[in-house]
């Protein structure tokens, strides 16, 4: 599962009609890594609140590759795409799956238009292991009462992810779609370690900027 979602909240005039007690949202994963997005969103609303869900960039890259491989089985191997020269440890940052995980570079672009206080960062790992806790912090950030709690989730062992229980009027829970939860392609441990070293300085600067240690370097 590739976890990199980006949510932004706009003025009502630009979105579908909502009640005063409702919040309107838009979500698209590509916003965070699209160079022009911060300026365009800022020009529509300076008061936008932004929620970013991030996960270990190495895991994210492997997940991205696994997703692409399921649609294009004839693509080069992960190692071939990830490195310009593996023996020298030269990572190919032009490959989108690698570049997306350099979160601090994308964040610096957003900070030219938005205050850090307008952003909330969600751990993709904790969203799996403690969905209620992460959703609780999201509700706090939005100034909402904590309505979504542990009782609204159960763990789906087949998918390997939590599912959201629907209201009593519905018998079916809300789980990830068929394209999510695939078993990742097996990657050599040496390759993983090389990528961990590559991402380490980017991760550290990201932690320092957002004031949150995601502990990806200890995984």
N, C-alpha and C. Protein backbone atom coordinates (compact mmCIF):
# COMPACT_ATOMS: atom_id res chain seq x y z
N UNK A 1 0.85 -1.19 0.00
CA UNK A 1 0.00 0.00 0.00
C UNK A 1 0.88 1.23 0.00
N UNK A 2 0.63 2.12 -0.91
CA UNK A 2 1.40 3.36 -1.01
C UNK A 2 0.69 4.46 -0.24
N UNK A 3 1.26 4.88 0.86
CA UNK A 3 0.60 5.90 1.68
C UNK A 3 1.25 7.25 1.50
N UNK A 4 0.65 8.04 0.70
CA UNK A 4 1.05 9.45 0.63
C UNK A 4 -0.18 10.20 0.15
N UNK A 5 -1.05 10.57 1.07
CA UNK A 5 -2.26 11.29 0.73
C UNK A 5 -2.11 12.74 1.13
N UNK A 6 -2.81 13.60 0.43
CA UNK A 6 -2.75 15.01 0.77
C UNK A 6 -4.15 15.56 0.74
N UNK A 7 -4.59 16.18 1.83
CA UNK A 7 -5.93 16.72 1.94
C UNK A 7 -5.84 18.24 2.07
N UNK A 8 -6.74 18.97 1.43
CA UNK A 8 -6.78 20.39 1.72
C UNK A 8 -8.22 20.86 1.82
N UNK A 9 -8.42 21.82 2.70
CA UNK A 9 -9.75 22.31 3.01
C UNK A 9 -9.90 23.72 2.44
N UNK A 10 -10.92 23.94 1.62
CA UNK A 10 -11.08 25.20 0.92
C UNK A 10 -12.32 25.95 1.39
N UNK A 11 -12.46 27.17 0.93
CA UNK A 11 -13.65 27.95 1.24
C UNK A 11 -14.86 27.31 0.58
N UNK A 12 -16.03 27.47 1.18
CA UNK A 12 -17.22 26.81 0.66
C UNK A 12 -17.56 27.20 -0.77
N UNK A 13 -17.23 28.44 -1.16
CA UNK A 13 -17.58 28.88 -2.50
C UNK A 13 -16.92 28.11 -3.61
N UNK A 14 -15.83 27.41 -3.28
CA UNK A 14 -15.08 26.66 -4.28
C UNK A 14 -15.38 25.17 -4.25
N UNK A 15 -16.22 24.75 -3.33
CA UNK A 15 -16.49 23.34 -3.15
C UNK A 15 -18.00 23.11 -3.11
N UNK A 16 -18.44 21.84 -3.08
CA UNK A 16 -19.88 21.57 -2.99
C UNK A 16 -20.49 22.22 -1.76
N UNK A 17 -21.76 22.50 -1.81
CA UNK A 17 -22.44 23.14 -0.68
C UNK A 17 -22.41 22.25 0.55
N UNK A 18 -22.14 22.87 1.69
CA UNK A 18 -22.12 22.14 2.95
C UNK A 18 -22.83 22.96 4.02
N UNK A 19 -23.21 22.28 5.08
CA UNK A 19 -23.83 22.95 6.21
C UNK A 19 -22.76 23.61 7.07
N UNK A 20 -23.17 24.53 7.94
CA UNK A 20 -22.21 25.21 8.82
C UNK A 20 -21.49 24.23 9.73
N UNK A 21 -22.12 23.10 10.02
CA UNK A 21 -21.53 22.11 10.92
C UNK A 21 -20.63 21.10 10.19
N UNK A 22 -20.47 21.30 8.88
CA UNK A 22 -19.69 20.36 8.08
C UNK A 22 -18.37 20.97 7.60
N UNK A 23 -17.41 20.10 7.29
CA UNK A 23 -16.14 20.51 6.70
C UNK A 23 -16.04 19.87 5.32
N UNK A 24 -15.74 20.66 4.33
CA UNK A 24 -15.58 20.15 2.98
C UNK A 24 -14.11 19.87 2.72
N UNK A 25 -13.82 18.75 2.08
CA UNK A 25 -12.42 18.41 1.83
C UNK A 25 -12.21 17.92 0.41
N UNK A 26 -10.97 18.01 0.00
CA UNK A 26 -10.53 17.49 -1.30
C UNK A 26 -9.27 16.68 -1.04
N UNK A 27 -9.11 15.55 -1.68
CA UNK A 27 -7.89 14.77 -1.48
C UNK A 27 -7.37 14.27 -2.83
N UNK A 28 -6.09 14.41 -2.98
CA UNK A 28 -5.38 13.89 -4.15
C UNK A 28 -3.93 13.63 -3.75
N UNK A 29 -3.43 12.40 -3.87
CA UNK A 29 -2.06 12.10 -3.46
C UNK A 29 -0.99 12.95 -4.13
N UNK A 30 -1.23 13.36 -5.37
CA UNK A 30 -0.19 14.07 -6.13
C UNK A 30 -0.01 15.53 -5.72
N UNK A 31 -0.93 16.10 -4.95
CA UNK A 31 -0.80 17.51 -4.58
C UNK A 31 0.54 17.80 -3.90
N UNK A 32 0.91 16.95 -2.95
CA UNK A 32 2.10 17.21 -2.14
C UNK A 32 3.37 17.29 -2.98
N UNK A 33 3.43 16.55 -4.08
CA UNK A 33 4.65 16.50 -4.88
C UNK A 33 4.53 17.28 -6.19
N UNK A 34 3.43 17.99 -6.38
CA UNK A 34 3.24 18.81 -7.57
C UNK A 34 3.75 20.21 -7.31
N UNK A 35 4.73 20.66 -8.07
CA UNK A 35 5.42 21.91 -7.80
C UNK A 35 4.47 23.11 -7.76
N UNK A 36 3.48 23.15 -8.64
CA UNK A 36 2.60 24.30 -8.74
C UNK A 36 1.47 24.31 -7.72
N UNK A 37 1.23 23.19 -7.08
CA UNK A 37 0.05 23.05 -6.20
C UNK A 37 0.01 24.05 -5.05
N UNK A 38 1.10 24.27 -4.29
CA UNK A 38 1.00 25.20 -3.16
C UNK A 38 0.57 26.60 -3.56
N UNK A 39 1.14 27.11 -4.63
CA UNK A 39 0.78 28.47 -5.07
C UNK A 39 -0.68 28.54 -5.48
N UNK A 40 -1.13 27.55 -6.23
CA UNK A 40 -2.51 27.56 -6.71
C UNK A 40 -3.51 27.44 -5.56
N UNK A 41 -3.21 26.57 -4.59
CA UNK A 41 -4.12 26.40 -3.46
C UNK A 41 -4.11 27.64 -2.57
N UNK A 42 -2.93 28.21 -2.38
CA UNK A 42 -2.82 29.43 -1.58
C UNK A 42 -3.59 30.58 -2.19
N UNK A 43 -3.59 30.65 -3.50
CA UNK A 43 -4.31 31.73 -4.17
C UNK A 43 -5.81 31.58 -4.02
N UNK A 44 -6.29 30.37 -3.73
CA UNK A 44 -7.72 30.13 -3.53
C UNK A 44 -8.13 30.36 -2.08
N UNK A 45 -7.23 30.01 -1.15
CA UNK A 45 -7.55 30.16 0.27
C UNK A 45 -6.27 30.16 1.10
N UNK A 46 -6.05 31.26 1.83
CA UNK A 46 -4.89 31.34 2.71
C UNK A 46 -5.12 30.58 4.02
N UNK A 47 -6.37 30.25 4.31
CA UNK A 47 -6.71 29.60 5.58
C UNK A 47 -6.83 28.08 5.45
N UNK A 48 -6.38 27.55 4.35
CA UNK A 48 -6.46 26.12 4.12
C UNK A 48 -5.73 25.32 5.20
N UNK A 49 -6.34 24.23 5.62
CA UNK A 49 -5.67 23.29 6.52
C UNK A 49 -5.23 22.08 5.70
N UNK A 50 -4.02 21.63 5.96
CA UNK A 50 -3.44 20.57 5.16
C UNK A 50 -3.09 19.36 6.01
N UNK A 51 -3.46 18.19 5.53
CA UNK A 51 -3.14 16.95 6.24
C UNK A 51 -2.33 16.07 5.30
N UNK A 52 -1.15 15.66 5.75
CA UNK A 52 -0.27 14.83 4.94
C UNK A 52 -0.03 13.50 5.64
N UNK A 53 -0.26 12.41 4.93
CA UNK A 53 0.02 11.08 5.48
C UNK A 53 1.29 10.56 4.81
N UNK A 54 2.30 10.27 5.61
CA UNK A 54 3.57 9.80 5.06
C UNK A 54 3.97 8.47 5.71
N UNK A 55 4.77 7.70 4.98
CA UNK A 55 5.29 6.46 5.55
C UNK A 55 6.76 6.33 5.20
N UNK A 56 7.42 5.34 5.77
CA UNK A 56 8.82 5.08 5.49
C UNK A 56 9.07 5.16 3.98
N UNK A 57 9.94 6.07 3.52
CA UNK A 57 10.12 6.25 2.08
C UNK A 57 10.64 5.03 1.34
N UNK A 58 11.40 4.15 2.03
CA UNK A 58 11.87 2.93 1.38
C UNK A 58 10.69 1.99 1.14
N UNK A 59 9.89 1.79 2.17
CA UNK A 59 8.69 0.95 2.04
C UNK A 59 7.75 1.54 1.00
N UNK A 60 7.64 2.87 1.00
CA UNK A 60 6.76 3.54 0.05
C UNK A 60 7.20 3.30 -1.40
N UNK A 61 8.51 3.34 -1.64
CA UNK A 61 9.05 3.13 -2.98
C UNK A 61 8.79 1.69 -3.45
N UNK A 62 8.99 0.73 -2.54
CA UNK A 62 8.75 -0.68 -2.88
C UNK A 62 7.27 -0.90 -3.16
N UNK A 63 6.42 -0.27 -2.36
CA UNK A 63 4.98 -0.37 -2.56
C UNK A 63 4.57 0.22 -3.91
N UNK A 64 5.15 1.37 -4.23
CA UNK A 64 4.89 2.04 -5.51
C UNK A 64 5.26 1.12 -6.66
N UNK A 65 6.44 0.51 -6.55
CA UNK A 65 6.91 -0.40 -7.60
C UNK A 65 5.99 -1.62 -7.72
N UNK A 66 5.58 -2.17 -6.58
CA UNK A 66 4.69 -3.34 -6.58
C UNK A 66 3.38 -3.02 -7.29
N UNK A 67 2.86 -1.83 -7.04
CA UNK A 67 1.62 -1.39 -7.67
C UNK A 67 1.79 -1.28 -9.18
N UNK A 68 2.90 -0.68 -9.60
CA UNK A 68 3.16 -0.51 -11.04
C UNK A 68 3.38 -1.86 -11.71
N UNK A 69 4.12 -2.74 -11.04
CA UNK A 69 4.42 -4.06 -11.59
C UNK A 69 3.16 -4.87 -11.85
N UNK A 70 2.15 -4.68 -11.02
CA UNK A 70 0.89 -5.42 -11.20
C UNK A 70 0.17 -5.02 -12.48
N UNK A 71 0.48 -3.81 -12.96
CA UNK A 71 -0.14 -3.31 -14.19
C UNK A 71 0.77 -3.46 -15.40
N UNK A 72 2.09 -3.39 -15.14
CA UNK A 72 3.08 -3.49 -16.22
C UNK A 72 4.15 -4.51 -15.84
N UNK A 73 3.87 -5.79 -16.02
CA UNK A 73 4.80 -6.84 -15.57
C UNK A 73 6.13 -6.89 -16.31
N UNK A 74 6.27 -6.14 -17.40
CA UNK A 74 7.51 -6.18 -18.18
C UNK A 74 8.48 -5.05 -17.85
N UNK A 75 8.21 -4.28 -16.79
CA UNK A 75 9.10 -3.18 -16.43
C UNK A 75 10.40 -3.72 -15.84
N UNK A 76 11.48 -2.91 -15.84
CA UNK A 76 12.76 -3.35 -15.26
C UNK A 76 12.61 -3.68 -13.78
N UNK A 77 13.63 -4.33 -13.21
CA UNK A 77 13.58 -4.68 -11.80
C UNK A 77 13.64 -3.42 -10.94
N UNK A 78 13.24 -3.57 -9.69
CA UNK A 78 13.29 -2.44 -8.76
C UNK A 78 14.69 -1.89 -8.65
N UNK A 79 15.67 -2.77 -8.54
CA UNK A 79 17.06 -2.35 -8.40
C UNK A 79 17.53 -1.54 -9.61
N UNK A 80 17.14 -1.96 -10.80
CA UNK A 80 17.54 -1.25 -12.02
C UNK A 80 16.97 0.16 -12.05
N UNK A 81 15.77 0.31 -11.56
CA UNK A 81 15.12 1.63 -11.57
C UNK A 81 15.61 2.52 -10.43
N UNK A 82 15.94 1.91 -9.32
CA UNK A 82 16.29 2.68 -8.12
C UNK A 82 17.71 3.25 -8.15
N UNK A 83 18.61 2.62 -8.92
CA UNK A 83 20.01 3.05 -8.90
C UNK A 83 20.52 3.44 -10.29
N UNK A 84 21.35 4.48 -10.30
CA UNK A 84 22.10 4.82 -11.50
C UNK A 84 23.34 3.95 -11.56
N UNK A 85 23.89 3.67 -10.40
CA UNK A 85 25.05 2.78 -10.28
C UNK A 85 24.99 2.16 -8.90
N UNK A 86 24.50 0.93 -8.82
CA UNK A 86 24.29 0.31 -7.52
C UNK A 86 25.61 0.04 -6.81
N UNK A 87 26.65 -0.39 -7.53
CA UNK A 87 27.93 -0.69 -6.89
C UNK A 87 28.52 0.53 -6.20
N UNK A 88 28.23 1.71 -6.73
CA UNK A 88 28.70 2.95 -6.12
C UNK A 88 27.66 3.55 -5.19
N UNK A 89 26.49 2.92 -5.13
CA UNK A 89 25.43 3.43 -4.26
C UNK A 89 24.76 4.69 -4.77
N UNK A 90 24.81 4.91 -6.09
CA UNK A 90 24.23 6.12 -6.67
C UNK A 90 22.75 5.89 -6.97
N UNK A 91 21.90 6.53 -6.19
CA UNK A 91 20.45 6.38 -6.33
C UNK A 91 19.94 7.28 -7.45
N UNK A 92 18.97 6.78 -8.20
CA UNK A 92 18.40 7.55 -9.31
C UNK A 92 17.21 8.37 -8.81
N UNK A 93 17.47 9.63 -8.48
CA UNK A 93 16.41 10.49 -7.95
C UNK A 93 15.45 10.99 -9.02
N UNK A 94 15.71 10.65 -10.27
CA UNK A 94 14.77 11.03 -11.32
C UNK A 94 13.59 10.06 -11.37
N UNK A 95 13.74 8.88 -10.76
CA UNK A 95 12.64 7.92 -10.70
C UNK A 95 11.64 8.42 -9.68
N UNK A 96 10.42 8.56 -10.12
CA UNK A 96 9.38 9.16 -9.28
C UNK A 96 9.18 8.43 -7.96
N UNK A 97 9.28 7.11 -7.97
CA UNK A 97 9.08 6.33 -6.75
C UNK A 97 10.12 6.68 -5.69
N UNK A 98 11.30 7.06 -6.12
CA UNK A 98 12.36 7.48 -5.20
C UNK A 98 12.17 8.93 -4.79
N UNK A 99 11.89 9.79 -5.75
CA UNK A 99 11.83 11.23 -5.48
C UNK A 99 10.67 11.59 -4.55
N UNK A 100 9.54 10.92 -4.66
CA UNK A 100 8.40 11.22 -3.80
C UNK A 100 8.78 11.10 -2.33
N UNK A 101 9.62 10.12 -2.00
CA UNK A 101 9.98 9.89 -0.61
C UNK A 101 10.96 10.89 -0.02
N UNK A 102 11.43 11.83 -0.84
CA UNK A 102 12.31 12.89 -0.33
C UNK A 102 11.41 14.01 0.20
N UNK A 103 10.68 13.71 1.25
CA UNK A 103 9.58 14.54 1.72
C UNK A 103 9.98 15.99 2.03
N UNK A 104 11.16 16.17 2.57
CA UNK A 104 11.55 17.52 2.97
C UNK A 104 11.62 18.46 1.78
N UNK A 105 12.01 17.96 0.61
CA UNK A 105 12.09 18.81 -0.58
C UNK A 105 10.71 19.32 -0.97
N UNK A 106 9.73 18.45 -0.89
CA UNK A 106 8.35 18.85 -1.23
C UNK A 106 7.79 19.79 -0.16
N UNK A 107 8.10 19.49 1.10
CA UNK A 107 7.60 20.32 2.20
C UNK A 107 8.14 21.73 2.11
N UNK A 108 9.41 21.88 1.77
CA UNK A 108 10.00 23.21 1.66
C UNK A 108 9.27 24.06 0.63
N UNK A 109 8.78 23.43 -0.41
CA UNK A 109 8.00 24.14 -1.42
C UNK A 109 6.69 24.64 -0.83
N UNK A 110 6.03 23.81 -0.02
CA UNK A 110 4.76 24.20 0.60
C UNK A 110 4.95 25.30 1.64
N UNK A 111 6.08 25.27 2.34
CA UNK A 111 6.32 26.26 3.39
C UNK A 111 6.58 27.66 2.84
N UNK A 112 6.71 27.79 1.55
CA UNK A 112 6.81 29.11 0.95
C UNK A 112 5.45 29.79 0.90
N UNK A 113 4.38 29.00 1.06
CA UNK A 113 3.03 29.54 0.92
C UNK A 113 2.15 29.31 2.16
N UNK A 114 2.51 28.34 3.00
CA UNK A 114 1.68 28.01 4.15
C UNK A 114 2.54 27.91 5.42
N UNK A 115 1.94 28.24 6.55
CA UNK A 115 2.62 28.09 7.83
C UNK A 115 2.63 26.62 8.25
N UNK A 116 3.64 26.24 8.98
CA UNK A 116 3.72 24.86 9.45
C UNK A 116 2.54 24.52 10.35
N UNK A 117 2.01 25.53 11.06
CA UNK A 117 0.88 25.32 11.95
C UNK A 117 -0.40 24.96 11.18
N UNK A 118 -0.42 25.20 9.88
CA UNK A 118 -1.57 24.84 9.05
C UNK A 118 -1.50 23.40 8.57
N UNK A 119 -0.41 22.71 8.93
CA UNK A 119 -0.19 21.35 8.45
C UNK A 119 -0.21 20.35 9.59
N UNK A 120 -0.75 19.18 9.29
CA UNK A 120 -0.74 18.08 10.25
C UNK A 120 -0.19 16.85 9.54
N UNK A 121 0.79 16.19 10.15
CA UNK A 121 1.44 15.04 9.53
C UNK A 121 1.03 13.76 10.24
N UNK A 122 0.53 12.83 9.46
CA UNK A 122 0.04 11.55 9.98
C UNK A 122 1.04 10.46 9.62
N UNK A 123 1.38 9.62 10.58
CA UNK A 123 2.27 8.49 10.33
C UNK A 123 1.50 7.36 9.67
N UNK A 124 1.91 6.97 8.47
CA UNK A 124 1.26 5.87 7.77
C UNK A 124 1.38 4.56 8.53
N UNK A 125 2.51 4.39 9.24
CA UNK A 125 2.70 3.18 10.04
C UNK A 125 1.72 3.14 11.22
N UNK A 126 1.62 4.26 11.93
CA UNK A 126 0.70 4.29 13.09
C UNK A 126 -0.76 4.28 12.65
N UNK A 127 -1.02 4.73 11.43
CA UNK A 127 -2.39 4.69 10.91
C UNK A 127 -2.86 3.25 10.77
N UNK A 128 -1.89 2.33 10.59
CA UNK A 128 -2.21 0.91 10.50
C UNK A 128 -2.29 0.27 11.88
N UNK A 129 -1.31 0.59 12.74
CA UNK A 129 -1.26 -0.06 14.06
C UNK A 129 -2.17 0.60 15.09
N UNK A 130 -2.45 1.89 14.92
CA UNK A 130 -3.29 2.63 15.88
C UNK A 130 -4.15 3.64 15.13
N UNK A 131 -5.08 3.16 14.30
CA UNK A 131 -5.89 4.08 13.50
C UNK A 131 -6.71 5.06 14.33
N UNK A 132 -7.24 4.61 15.46
CA UNK A 132 -8.05 5.49 16.31
C UNK A 132 -7.20 6.62 16.88
N UNK A 133 -5.98 6.30 17.30
CA UNK A 133 -5.10 7.32 17.85
C UNK A 133 -4.74 8.38 16.82
N UNK A 134 -4.40 7.94 15.61
CA UNK A 134 -4.06 8.88 14.55
C UNK A 134 -5.26 9.73 14.15
N UNK A 135 -6.44 9.09 14.06
CA UNK A 135 -7.64 9.84 13.71
C UNK A 135 -8.04 10.80 14.83
N UNK A 136 -7.72 10.43 16.06
CA UNK A 136 -7.99 11.33 17.18
C UNK A 136 -7.19 12.61 17.04
N UNK A 137 -5.92 12.47 16.67
CA UNK A 137 -5.06 13.65 16.49
C UNK A 137 -5.50 14.49 15.29
N UNK A 138 -6.03 13.84 14.26
CA UNK A 138 -6.56 14.57 13.10
C UNK A 138 -7.77 15.39 13.52
N UNK A 139 -8.63 14.78 14.31
CA UNK A 139 -9.83 15.50 14.78
C UNK A 139 -9.44 16.69 15.66
N UNK A 140 -8.41 16.51 16.48
CA UNK A 140 -7.93 17.63 17.31
C UNK A 140 -7.43 18.76 16.43
N UNK A 141 -6.68 18.42 15.40
CA UNK A 141 -6.12 19.43 14.49
C UNK A 141 -7.22 20.23 13.80
N UNK A 142 -8.31 19.56 13.48
CA UNK A 142 -9.43 20.22 12.80
C UNK A 142 -10.38 20.91 13.77
N UNK A 143 -10.10 20.78 15.05
CA UNK A 143 -10.97 21.41 16.04
C UNK A 143 -12.28 20.70 16.21
N UNK A 144 -12.28 19.40 15.99
CA UNK A 144 -13.50 18.60 16.09
C UNK A 144 -13.51 17.78 17.37
N UNK A 145 -14.68 17.44 17.83
CA UNK A 145 -14.82 16.53 18.97
C UNK A 145 -14.37 15.15 18.53
N UNK A 146 -13.70 14.44 19.44
CA UNK A 146 -13.23 13.09 19.10
C UNK A 146 -14.39 12.11 19.07
N UNK A 147 -14.98 11.96 17.91
CA UNK A 147 -16.11 11.04 17.74
C UNK A 147 -15.64 9.68 17.25
N UNK A 148 -14.65 9.67 16.35
CA UNK A 148 -14.11 8.41 15.82
C UNK A 148 -13.13 7.84 16.84
N UNK A 149 -13.42 6.65 17.35
CA UNK A 149 -12.60 6.03 18.39
C UNK A 149 -12.30 4.58 18.02
N UNK A 150 -11.72 3.84 18.98
CA UNK A 150 -11.36 2.44 18.75
C UNK A 150 -12.55 1.59 18.30
N UNK A 151 -13.72 1.92 18.79
CA UNK A 151 -14.90 1.08 18.48
C UNK A 151 -15.29 1.15 17.01
N UNK A 152 -14.73 2.11 16.28
CA UNK A 152 -15.07 2.25 14.87
C UNK A 152 -14.14 1.45 13.95
N UNK A 153 -13.16 0.73 14.51
CA UNK A 153 -12.20 0.00 13.69
C UNK A 153 -12.09 -1.47 14.09
N UNK A 154 -11.74 -2.30 13.12
CA UNK A 154 -11.34 -3.67 13.41
C UNK A 154 -10.24 -4.04 12.42
N UNK A 155 -9.38 -4.95 12.78
CA UNK A 155 -8.23 -5.31 11.93
C UNK A 155 -8.59 -6.44 10.99
N UNK A 156 -8.36 -6.21 9.70
CA UNK A 156 -8.62 -7.23 8.68
C UNK A 156 -7.32 -8.00 8.43
N UNK A 157 -7.25 -9.22 8.90
CA UNK A 157 -6.02 -10.00 8.80
C UNK A 157 -5.68 -10.35 7.35
N UNK A 158 -6.68 -10.49 6.52
CA UNK A 158 -6.44 -10.82 5.11
C UNK A 158 -5.73 -9.68 4.41
N UNK A 159 -6.20 -8.46 4.63
CA UNK A 159 -5.61 -7.27 4.02
C UNK A 159 -4.34 -6.82 4.74
N UNK A 160 -4.34 -7.04 6.06
CA UNK A 160 -3.24 -6.54 6.85
C UNK A 160 -3.40 -5.09 7.25
N UNK A 161 -4.64 -4.59 7.16
CA UNK A 161 -4.94 -3.20 7.48
C UNK A 161 -6.25 -3.12 8.27
N UNK A 162 -6.44 -2.04 9.02
CA UNK A 162 -7.70 -1.86 9.74
C UNK A 162 -8.83 -1.48 8.78
N UNK A 163 -10.02 -1.85 9.13
CA UNK A 163 -11.21 -1.47 8.37
C UNK A 163 -12.09 -0.59 9.24
N UNK A 164 -12.86 0.26 8.60
CA UNK A 164 -13.74 1.19 9.31
C UNK A 164 -15.15 0.61 9.36
N UNK A 165 -15.67 0.47 10.57
CA UNK A 165 -17.03 -0.03 10.73
C UNK A 165 -18.02 1.05 10.33
N UNK A 166 -19.03 0.67 9.56
CA UNK A 166 -20.05 1.63 9.14
C UNK A 166 -21.15 1.70 10.20
N UNK A 167 -22.06 2.68 10.06
CA UNK A 167 -23.18 2.78 11.02
C UNK A 167 -23.98 1.49 11.08
N UNK A 168 -24.74 1.33 12.15
CA UNK A 168 -25.51 0.11 12.36
C UNK A 168 -26.46 -0.19 11.22
N UNK A 169 -26.85 0.84 10.47
CA UNK A 169 -27.79 0.64 9.37
C UNK A 169 -27.14 -0.07 8.19
N UNK A 170 -25.81 -0.17 8.19
CA UNK A 170 -25.09 -0.83 7.11
C UNK A 170 -24.36 -2.04 7.65
N UNK A 171 -24.48 -3.17 6.95
CA UNK A 171 -23.85 -4.41 7.43
C UNK A 171 -22.42 -4.57 6.93
N UNK A 172 -22.02 -3.77 5.94
CA UNK A 172 -20.70 -3.92 5.35
C UNK A 172 -19.72 -2.87 5.86
N UNK A 173 -18.54 -3.30 6.34
CA UNK A 173 -17.52 -2.34 6.79
C UNK A 173 -16.83 -1.70 5.60
N UNK A 174 -16.07 -0.64 5.84
CA UNK A 174 -15.33 0.04 4.79
C UNK A 174 -13.87 -0.42 4.87
N UNK A 175 -13.41 -1.16 3.86
CA UNK A 175 -12.05 -1.65 3.83
C UNK A 175 -11.34 -1.15 2.57
N UNK A 176 -10.04 -1.34 2.53
CA UNK A 176 -9.27 -0.94 1.36
C UNK A 176 -9.71 -1.73 0.13
N UNK A 177 -9.58 -1.10 -1.04
CA UNK A 177 -9.99 -1.73 -2.28
C UNK A 177 -9.09 -2.89 -2.69
N UNK A 178 -9.45 -3.56 -3.77
CA UNK A 178 -8.72 -4.73 -4.24
C UNK A 178 -7.27 -4.42 -4.62
N UNK A 179 -7.02 -3.19 -5.04
CA UNK A 179 -5.67 -2.83 -5.48
C UNK A 179 -4.72 -2.56 -4.30
N UNK A 180 -5.26 -2.55 -3.07
CA UNK A 180 -4.46 -2.26 -1.89
C UNK A 180 -4.17 -3.54 -1.11
N UNK A 181 -3.06 -3.52 -0.38
CA UNK A 181 -2.74 -4.65 0.48
C UNK A 181 -2.01 -5.77 -0.23
N UNK A 182 -1.44 -5.49 -1.41
CA UNK A 182 -0.67 -6.52 -2.11
C UNK A 182 0.60 -6.87 -1.35
N UNK A 183 1.04 -8.12 -1.49
CA UNK A 183 2.32 -8.52 -0.92
C UNK A 183 3.43 -7.84 -1.71
N UNK A 184 4.33 -7.16 -1.02
CA UNK A 184 5.39 -6.43 -1.70
C UNK A 184 6.39 -7.35 -2.38
N UNK A 185 6.97 -6.84 -3.45
CA UNK A 185 8.05 -7.56 -4.14
C UNK A 185 9.21 -7.73 -3.16
N UNK A 186 9.84 -8.90 -3.18
CA UNK A 186 10.97 -9.16 -2.30
C UNK A 186 12.21 -8.42 -2.82
N UNK A 187 12.79 -7.59 -1.96
CA UNK A 187 13.97 -6.81 -2.31
C UNK A 187 15.13 -7.23 -1.41
N UNK A 188 16.33 -7.35 -1.98
CA UNK A 188 17.50 -7.74 -1.21
C UNK A 188 17.71 -6.78 -0.04
N UNK A 189 18.11 -7.33 1.10
CA UNK A 189 18.34 -6.52 2.28
C UNK A 189 19.41 -5.46 2.04
N UNK A 190 20.42 -5.80 1.25
CA UNK A 190 21.49 -4.85 0.94
C UNK A 190 20.94 -3.63 0.21
N UNK A 191 20.00 -3.85 -0.71
CA UNK A 191 19.37 -2.76 -1.45
C UNK A 191 18.58 -1.87 -0.50
N UNK A 192 17.84 -2.49 0.40
CA UNK A 192 17.05 -1.74 1.38
C UNK A 192 17.97 -0.88 2.24
N UNK A 193 19.07 -1.44 2.67
CA UNK A 193 20.01 -0.70 3.52
C UNK A 193 20.65 0.47 2.76
N UNK A 194 20.94 0.27 1.48
CA UNK A 194 21.49 1.36 0.68
C UNK A 194 20.50 2.51 0.57
N UNK A 195 19.24 2.17 0.38
CA UNK A 195 18.21 3.21 0.26
C UNK A 195 17.96 3.88 1.61
N UNK A 196 18.06 3.12 2.69
CA UNK A 196 17.90 3.72 4.02
C UNK A 196 18.99 4.77 4.26
N UNK A 197 20.21 4.46 3.85
CA UNK A 197 21.31 5.40 3.99
C UNK A 197 21.08 6.64 3.13
N UNK A 198 20.56 6.42 1.93
CA UNK A 198 20.28 7.54 1.03
C UNK A 198 19.25 8.49 1.64
N UNK A 199 18.18 7.91 2.18
CA UNK A 199 17.09 8.73 2.71
C UNK A 199 17.39 9.35 4.07
N UNK A 200 18.35 8.79 4.81
CA UNK A 200 18.59 9.22 6.18
C UNK A 200 18.69 10.74 6.36
N UNK A 201 19.56 11.44 5.60
CA UNK A 201 19.65 12.90 5.81
C UNK A 201 18.37 13.64 5.47
N UNK A 202 17.64 13.15 4.48
CA UNK A 202 16.36 13.77 4.13
C UNK A 202 15.35 13.55 5.26
N UNK A 203 15.35 12.33 5.82
CA UNK A 203 14.44 12.01 6.91
C UNK A 203 14.72 12.87 8.14
N UNK A 204 16.00 12.98 8.48
CA UNK A 204 16.38 13.75 9.67
C UNK A 204 15.93 15.20 9.55
N UNK A 205 16.16 15.79 8.40
CA UNK A 205 15.75 17.18 8.20
C UNK A 205 14.23 17.31 8.23
N UNK A 206 13.54 16.31 7.72
CA UNK A 206 12.08 16.30 7.75
C UNK A 206 11.59 16.23 9.19
N UNK A 207 12.18 15.33 9.99
CA UNK A 207 11.80 15.21 11.41
C UNK A 207 11.98 16.56 12.12
N UNK A 208 13.15 17.17 11.89
CA UNK A 208 13.47 18.43 12.57
C UNK A 208 12.50 19.54 12.17
N UNK A 209 12.12 19.56 10.90
CA UNK A 209 11.24 20.62 10.41
C UNK A 209 9.83 20.49 10.96
N UNK A 210 9.29 19.27 10.96
CA UNK A 210 7.91 19.08 11.41
C UNK A 210 7.81 18.85 12.92
N UNK A 211 8.96 18.63 13.58
CA UNK A 211 8.95 18.40 15.02
C UNK A 211 8.38 17.06 15.41
N UNK A 212 8.63 16.07 14.58
CA UNK A 212 8.08 14.73 14.83
C UNK A 212 9.05 13.67 14.30
N UNK A 213 9.43 12.71 15.14
CA UNK A 213 10.32 11.64 14.73
C UNK A 213 9.49 10.43 14.33
N UNK A 214 9.50 10.10 13.05
CA UNK A 214 8.70 8.97 12.54
C UNK A 214 9.42 7.63 12.72
N UNK A 215 10.70 7.67 13.15
CA UNK A 215 11.47 6.49 13.46
C UNK A 215 11.65 5.54 12.27
N UNK A 216 11.70 6.08 11.08
CA UNK A 216 11.90 5.24 9.90
C UNK A 216 13.31 4.66 9.86
N UNK A 217 14.27 5.35 10.46
CA UNK A 217 15.65 4.90 10.38
C UNK A 217 15.94 3.75 11.33
N UNK A 218 15.00 3.44 12.20
CA UNK A 218 15.20 2.33 13.14
C UNK A 218 14.40 1.10 12.72
N UNK A 219 13.73 1.18 11.55
CA UNK A 219 12.89 0.06 11.10
C UNK A 219 13.73 -0.95 10.33
